[in-house]
PDB file of all heavy atoms in Angstrom:
ATOM      1  N   GLU A   1       0.795  -1.240   0.006  1.00  0.00           N
ATOM      2  CA  GLU A   1      -0.024   0.017  -0.034  1.00  0.00           C
ATOM      3  C   GLU A   1       0.916   1.248  -0.030  1.00  0.00           C
ATOM      4  O   GLU A   1       0.477   2.320  -0.490  1.00  0.00           O
ATOM      5  CB  GLU A   1      -0.827   0.010   1.196  1.00  0.00           C
ATOM      6  CG  GLU A   1      -1.939  -1.079   1.194  1.00  0.00           C
ATOM      7  CD  GLU A   1      -2.935  -1.034   2.460  1.00  0.00           C
ATOM      8  OE1 GLU A   1      -2.731  -0.056   3.239  1.00  0.00           O
ATOM      9  OE2 GLU A   1      -3.670  -1.914   2.640  1.00  0.00           O
ATOM     10  N   SER A   2       2.016   1.198   0.647  1.00  0.00           N
ATOM     11  CA  SER A   2       2.976   2.239   0.679  1.00  0.00           C
ATOM     12  C   SER A   2       3.890   2.332  -0.641  1.00  0.00           C
ATOM     13  O   SER A   2       4.002   3.454  -1.277  1.00  0.00           O
ATOM     14  CB  SER A   2       3.820   2.247   1.900  1.00  0.00           C
ATOM     15  OG  SER A   2       4.876   3.279   1.851  1.00  0.00           O
ATOM     16  N   SER A   3       4.472   1.174  -1.052  1.00  0.00           N
ATOM     17  CA  SER A   3       5.185   1.083  -2.135  1.00  0.00           C
ATOM     18  C   SER A   3       5.425  -0.282  -2.612  1.00  0.00           C
ATOM     19  O   SER A   3       5.579  -1.214  -1.697  1.00  0.00           O
ATOM     20  CB  SER A   3       6.617   1.773  -1.912  1.00  0.00           C
ATOM     21  OG  SER A   3       7.470   1.466  -2.997  1.00  0.00           O
ATOM     22  N   SER A   4       5.265  -0.683  -3.786  1.00  0.00           N
ATOM     23  CA  SER A   4       5.484  -2.027  -4.285  1.00  0.00           C
ATOM     24  C   SER A   4       6.945  -2.316  -4.624  1.00  0.00           C
ATOM     25  O   SER A   4       7.294  -3.566  -4.977  1.00  0.00           O
ATOM     26  CB  SER A   4       4.608  -2.294  -5.543  1.00  0.00           C
ATOM     27  OG  SER A   4       4.990  -1.476  -6.600  1.00  0.00           O
ATOM     28  N   THR A   5       7.894  -1.352  -4.437  1.00  0.00           N
ATOM     29  CA  THR A   5       9.354  -1.627  -4.734  1.00  0.00           C
ATOM     30  C   THR A   5      10.049  -1.329  -3.527  1.00  0.00           C
ATOM     31  O   THR A   5      11.230  -1.882  -3.553  1.00  0.00           O
ATOM     32  CB  THR A   5       9.696  -0.592  -5.853  1.00  0.00           C
ATOM     33  OG1 THR A   5       9.504   0.738  -5.336  1.00  0.00           O
ATOM     34  CG2 THR A   5       8.873  -0.715  -7.070  1.00  0.00           C
ATOM     35  N   MET A   6       9.711  -0.603  -2.461  1.00  0.00           N
ATOM     36  CA  MET A   6      10.488  -0.360  -1.425  1.00  0.00           C
ATOM     37  C   MET A   6      10.728  -1.588  -0.463  1.00  0.00           C
ATOM     38  O   MET A   6       9.852  -2.327  -0.263  1.00  0.00           O
ATOM     39  CB  MET A   6      10.004   0.771  -0.535  1.00  0.00           C
ATOM     40  CG  MET A   6      10.798   1.411   0.493  1.00  0.00           C
ATOM     41  SD  MET A   6      10.103   2.803   1.451  1.00  0.00           S
ATOM     42  CE  MET A   6       9.911   3.934   0.087  1.00  0.00           C
ATOM     43  N   TRP A   7      11.967  -1.784  -0.064  1.00  0.00           N
ATOM     44  CA  TRP A   7      12.354  -2.973   0.756  1.00  0.00           C
ATOM     45  C   TRP A   7      13.371  -2.561   1.913  1.00  0.00           C
ATOM     46  O   TRP A   7      14.030  -1.485   1.768  1.00  0.00           O
ATOM     47  CB  TRP A   7      12.850  -4.112  -0.089  1.00  0.00           C
ATOM     48  CG  TRP A   7      14.037  -3.771  -0.925  1.00  0.00           C
ATOM     49  CD1 TRP A   7      13.936  -3.255  -2.264  1.00  0.00           C
ATOM     50  CD2 TRP A   7      15.458  -3.885  -0.656  1.00  0.00           C
ATOM     51  NE1 TRP A   7      15.221  -3.250  -2.671  1.00  0.00           N
ATOM     52  CE2 TRP A   7      16.182  -3.507  -1.695  1.00  0.00           C
ATOM     53  CE3 TRP A   7      16.113  -4.388   0.495  1.00  0.00           C
ATOM     54  CZ2 TRP A   7      17.499  -3.558  -1.896  1.00  0.00           C
ATOM     55  CZ3 TRP A   7      17.519  -4.488   0.425  1.00  0.00           C
ATOM     56  CH2 TRP A   7      18.290  -4.049  -0.670  1.00  0.00           C
ATOM     57  N   TYR A   8      13.365  -3.431   2.947  1.00  0.00           N
ATOM     58  CA  TYR A   8      14.069  -3.068   4.090  1.00  0.00           C
ATOM     59  C   TYR A   8      14.992  -4.334   4.546  1.00  0.00           C
ATOM     60  O   TYR A   8      14.611  -5.361   4.276  1.00  0.00           O
ATOM     61  CB  TYR A   8      13.137  -2.753   5.370  1.00  0.00           C
ATOM     62  CG  TYR A   8      12.085  -1.654   4.902  1.00  0.00           C
ATOM     63  CD1 TYR A   8      10.932  -2.126   4.218  1.00  0.00           C
ATOM     64  CD2 TYR A   8      12.220  -0.355   5.202  1.00  0.00           C
ATOM     65  CE1 TYR A   8       9.844  -1.186   3.938  1.00  0.00           C
ATOM     66  CE2 TYR A   8      11.311   0.637   4.907  1.00  0.00           C
ATOM     67  CZ  TYR A   8      10.089   0.178   4.297  1.00  0.00           C
ATOM     68  OH  TYR A   8       9.219   1.107   3.972  1.00  0.00           O
ATOM     69  N   LEU A   9      16.010  -3.939   5.259  1.00  0.00           N
ATOM     70  CA  LEU A   9      16.911  -5.001   6.114  1.00  0.00           C
ATOM     71  C   LEU A   9      16.752  -4.545   7.530  1.00  0.00           C
ATOM     72  O   LEU A   9      16.632  -3.459   7.835  1.00  0.00           O
ATOM     73  CB  LEU A   9      18.177  -5.073   5.489  1.00  0.00           C
ATOM     74  CG  LEU A   9      18.522  -5.387   4.013  1.00  0.00           C
ATOM     75  CD1 LEU A   9      19.969  -5.369   3.704  1.00  0.00           C
ATOM     76  CD2 LEU A   9      17.870  -6.766   3.888  1.00  0.00           C
ATOM     77  N   ALA A  10      16.832  -5.569   8.400  1.00  0.00           N
ATOM     78  CA  ALA A  10      16.787  -5.274   9.816  1.00  0.00           C
ATOM     79  C   ALA A  10      17.767  -6.324  10.591  1.00  0.00           C
ATOM     80  O   ALA A  10      17.993  -7.447  10.114  1.00  0.00           O
ATOM     81  CB  ALA A  10      15.342  -5.558  10.399  1.00  0.00           C
ATOM     82  N   VAL A  11      18.276  -5.716  11.576  1.00  0.00           N
ATOM     83  CA  VAL A  11      19.271  -6.534  12.395  1.00  0.00           C
ATOM     84  C   VAL A  11      18.375  -7.480  13.392  1.00  0.00           C
ATOM     85  O   VAL A  11      17.181  -7.184  13.579  1.00  0.00           O
ATOM     86  CB  VAL A  11      20.098  -5.511  13.299  1.00  0.00           C
ATOM     87  CG1 VAL A  11      20.906  -6.347  14.387  1.00  0.00           C
ATOM     88  CG2 VAL A  11      20.883  -4.749  12.433  1.00  0.00           C
ATOM     89  N   ASP A  12      18.953  -8.519  13.715  1.00  0.00           N
ATOM     90  CA  ASP A  12      18.332  -9.410  14.780  1.00  0.00           C
ATOM     91  C   ASP A  12      17.862  -8.385  15.938  1.00  0.00           C
ATOM     92  O   ASP A  12      18.870  -7.913  16.510  1.00  0.00           O
ATOM     93  CB  ASP A  12      19.310 -10.558  15.215  1.00  0.00           C
ATOM     94  CG  ASP A  12      18.602 -11.534  16.183  1.00  0.00           C
ATOM     95  OD1 ASP A  12      17.765 -11.115  16.851  1.00  0.00           O
ATOM     96  OD2 ASP A  12      19.162 -12.743  16.163  1.00  0.00           O
ATOM     97  N   PRO A  13      16.677  -8.400  16.270  1.00  0.00           N
ATOM     98  CA  PRO A  13      16.255  -7.538  17.482  1.00  0.00           C
ATOM     99  C   PRO A  13      16.831  -7.899  18.761  1.00  0.00           C
ATOM    100  O   PRO A  13      16.934  -6.955  19.621  1.00  0.00           O
ATOM    101  CB  PRO A  13      14.688  -7.762  17.423  1.00  0.00           C
ATOM    102  CG  PRO A  13      14.411  -8.985  16.853  1.00  0.00           C
ATOM    103  CD  PRO A  13      15.585  -9.207  15.816  1.00  0.00           C
ATOM    104  N   ARG A  14      17.351  -8.977  18.884  1.00  0.00           N
ATOM    105  CA  ARG A  14      18.081  -9.333  20.218  1.00  0.00           C
ATOM    106  C   ARG A  14      19.288  -8.533  20.319  1.00  0.00           C
ATOM    107  O   ARG A  14      19.828  -8.333  21.467  1.00  0.00           O
ATOM    108  CB  ARG A  14      18.289 -10.818  20.395  1.00  0.00           C
ATOM    109  CG  ARG A  14      17.023 -11.628  20.408  1.00  0.00           C
ATOM    110  CD  ARG A  14      17.244 -13.229  20.273  1.00  0.00           C
ATOM    111  NE  ARG A  14      17.826 -13.490  18.975  1.00  0.00           N
ATOM    112  CZ  ARG A  14      18.163 -14.631  18.668  1.00  0.00           C
ATOM    113  NH1 ARG A  14      18.017 -15.666  19.548  1.00  0.00           N
ATOM    114  NH2 ARG A  14      18.753 -14.939  17.478  1.00  0.00           N
ATOM    115  N   ILE A  15      19.939  -8.115  19.195  1.00  0.00           N
ATOM    116  CA  ILE A  15      21.213  -7.288  19.168  1.00  0.00           C
ATOM    117  C   ILE A  15      20.743  -5.931  19.195  1.00  0.00           C
ATOM    118  O   ILE A  15      21.412  -5.118  19.981  1.00  0.00           O
ATOM    119  CB  ILE A  15      21.979  -7.727  17.948  1.00  0.00           C
ATOM    120  CG1 ILE A  15      22.387  -9.195  17.884  1.00  0.00           C
ATOM    121  CG2 ILE A  15      23.279  -6.804  17.754  1.00  0.00           C
ATOM    122  CD1 ILE A  15      23.050  -9.657  16.657  1.00  0.00           C
ATOM    123  N   ARG A  16      19.869  -5.463  18.314  1.00  0.00           N
ATOM    124  CA  ARG A  16      19.493  -4.066  18.320  1.00  0.00           C
ATOM    125  C   ARG A  16      18.047  -4.029  17.654  1.00  0.00           C
ATOM    126  O   ARG A  16      17.907  -4.256  16.373  1.00  0.00           O
ATOM    127  CB  ARG A  16      20.468  -3.331  17.540  1.00  0.00           C
ATOM    128  CG  ARG A  16      20.449  -1.729  17.645  1.00  0.00           C
ATOM    129  CD  ARG A  16      21.531  -1.064  17.057  1.00  0.00           C
ATOM    130  NE  ARG A  16      22.780  -1.297  17.882  1.00  0.00           N
ATOM    131  CZ  ARG A  16      23.454  -0.430  18.639  1.00  0.00           C
ATOM    132  NH1 ARG A  16      22.854   0.806  18.882  1.00  0.00           N
ATOM    133  NH2 ARG A  16      24.574  -0.691  19.371  1.00  0.00           N
ATOM    134  N   PRO A  17      17.135  -3.605  18.320  1.00  0.00           N
ATOM    135  CA  PRO A  17      15.739  -3.577  17.713  1.00  0.00           C
ATOM    136  C   PRO A  17      15.424  -2.392  16.887  1.00  0.00           C
ATOM    137  O   PRO A  17      15.831  -1.240  17.211  1.00  0.00           O
ATOM    138  CB  PRO A  17      14.769  -3.592  18.937  1.00  0.00           C
ATOM    139  CG  PRO A  17      15.513  -2.932  19.971  1.00  0.00           C
ATOM    140  CD  PRO A  17      17.049  -3.349  19.754  1.00  0.00           C
ATOM    141  N   LEU A  18      14.837  -2.546  15.659  1.00  0.00           N
ATOM    142  CA  LEU A  18      14.497  -1.481  14.890  1.00  0.00           C
ATOM    143  C   LEU A  18      13.191  -0.784  15.391  1.00  0.00           C
ATOM    144  O   LEU A  18      13.060   0.387  15.196  1.00  0.00           O
ATOM    145  CB  LEU A  18      14.287  -1.930  13.456  1.00  0.00           C
ATOM    146  CG  LEU A  18      13.774  -0.979  12.402  1.00  0.00           C
ATOM    147  CD1 LEU A  18      14.697   0.079  12.271  1.00  0.00           C
ATOM    148  CD2 LEU A  18      13.711  -1.771  10.992  1.00  0.00           C
ATOM    149  N   VAL A  19      12.363  -1.689  15.951  1.00  0.00           N
ATOM    150  CA  VAL A  19      11.043  -1.195  16.413  1.00  0.00           C
ATOM    151  C   VAL A  19      10.717  -1.631  17.750  1.00  0.00           C
ATOM    152  O   VAL A  19      11.205  -2.732  18.250  1.00  0.00           O
ATOM    153  CB  VAL A  19       9.921  -1.659  15.461  1.00  0.00           C
ATOM    154  CG1 VAL A  19       8.498  -1.423  16.044  1.00  0.00           C
ATOM    155  CG2 VAL A  19      10.121  -0.949  14.145  1.00  0.00           C
ATOM    156  N   LEU A  20      10.044  -0.793  18.623  1.00  0.00           N
ATOM    157  CA  LEU A  20       9.740  -1.254  20.012  1.00  0.00           C
ATOM    158  C   LEU A  20       8.035  -1.376  19.874  1.00  0.00           C
ATOM    159  O   LEU A  20       7.411  -0.403  19.547  1.00  0.00           O
ATOM    160  CB  LEU A  20      10.066  -0.225  21.057  1.00  0.00           C
ATOM    161  CG  LEU A  20      11.663   0.054  21.034  1.00  0.00           C
ATOM    162  CD1 LEU A  20      11.858   1.146  22.136  1.00  0.00           C
ATOM    163  CD2 LEU A  20      12.397  -1.246  21.373  1.00  0.00           C
ATOM    164  N   ILE A  21       7.635  -2.398  20.444  1.00  0.00           N
ATOM    165  CA  ILE A  21       6.022  -2.669  20.517  1.00  0.00           C
ATOM    166  C   ILE A  21       5.734  -2.591  22.078  1.00  0.00           C
ATOM    167  O   ILE A  21       6.292  -3.313  22.925  1.00  0.00           O
ATOM    168  CB  ILE A  21       5.548  -3.858  19.992  1.00  0.00           C
ATOM    169  CG1 ILE A  21       6.148  -4.037  18.469  1.00  0.00           C
ATOM    170  CG2 ILE A  21       4.171  -4.036  20.088  1.00  0.00           C
ATOM    171  CD1 ILE A  21       5.477  -2.933  17.665  1.00  0.00           C
ATOM    172  N   TRP A  22       4.789  -1.641  22.341  1.00  0.00           N
ATOM    173  CA  TRP A  22       4.497  -1.322  23.855  1.00  0.00           C
ATOM    174  C   TRP A  22       3.160  -2.022  24.224  1.00  0.00           C
ATOM    175  O   TRP A  22       2.260  -1.953  23.427  1.00  0.00           O
ATOM    176  CB  TRP A  22       4.520   0.069  24.054  1.00  0.00           C
ATOM    177  CG  TRP A  22       5.906   0.623  24.024  1.00  0.00           C
ATOM    178  CD1 TRP A  22       6.416   0.962  22.771  1.00  0.00           C
ATOM    179  CD2 TRP A  22       6.800   1.083  25.089  1.00  0.00           C
ATOM    180  NE1 TRP A  22       7.782   1.522  23.089  1.00  0.00           N
ATOM    181  CE2 TRP A  22       7.955   1.564  24.490  1.00  0.00           C
ATOM    182  CE3 TRP A  22       6.686   1.018  26.429  1.00  0.00           C
ATOM    183  CZ2 TRP A  22       8.938   2.075  25.236  1.00  0.00           C
ATOM    184  CZ3 TRP A  22       7.655   1.532  27.074  1.00  0.00           C
ATOM    185  CH2 TRP A  22       8.802   1.997  26.554  1.00  0.00           C
ATOM    186  N   PHE A  23       3.077  -2.495  25.466  1.00  0.00           N
ATOM    187  CA  PHE A  23       1.760  -3.069  26.003  1.00  0.00           C
ATOM    188  C   PHE A  23       1.675  -2.596  27.414  1.00  0.00           C
ATOM    189  O   PHE A  23       2.570  -2.134  28.045  1.00  0.00           O
ATOM    190  CB  PHE A  23       1.835  -4.657  25.971  1.00  0.00           C
ATOM    191  CG  PHE A  23       2.042  -5.279  24.640  1.00  0.00           C
ATOM    192  CD1 PHE A  23       3.252  -5.639  24.121  1.00  0.00           C
ATOM    193  CD2 PHE A  23       1.000  -5.523  23.858  1.00  0.00           C
ATOM    194  CE1 PHE A  23       3.354  -6.311  22.923  1.00  0.00           C
ATOM    195  CE2 PHE A  23       0.994  -6.187  22.559  1.00  0.00           C
ATOM    196  CZ  PHE A  23       2.290  -6.439  22.205  1.00  0.00           C
ATOM    197  N   LEU A  24       0.398  -2.562  27.753  1.00  0.00           N
ATOM    198  CA  LEU A  24       0.036  -1.967  29.113  1.00  0.00           C
ATOM    199  C   LEU A  24       0.499  -3.040  30.283  1.00  0.00           C
ATOM    200  O   LEU A  24      -0.101  -4.179  30.199  1.00  0.00           O
ATOM    201  CB  LEU A  24      -1.476  -1.658  29.155  1.00  0.00           C
ATOM    202  CG  LEU A  24      -1.888  -1.125  30.515  1.00  0.00           C
ATOM    203  CD1 LEU A  24      -1.261   0.267  30.825  1.00  0.00           C
ATOM    204  CD2 LEU A  24      -3.483  -0.900  30.597  1.00  0.00           C
TER     205      LEU A  24
END
């Protein structure tokens, strides 16, 4: 929906997280 061509790489989150997900 944002782009059919854009792509990403990410590090193993145990080493360094790209995103944080928060819960109550």
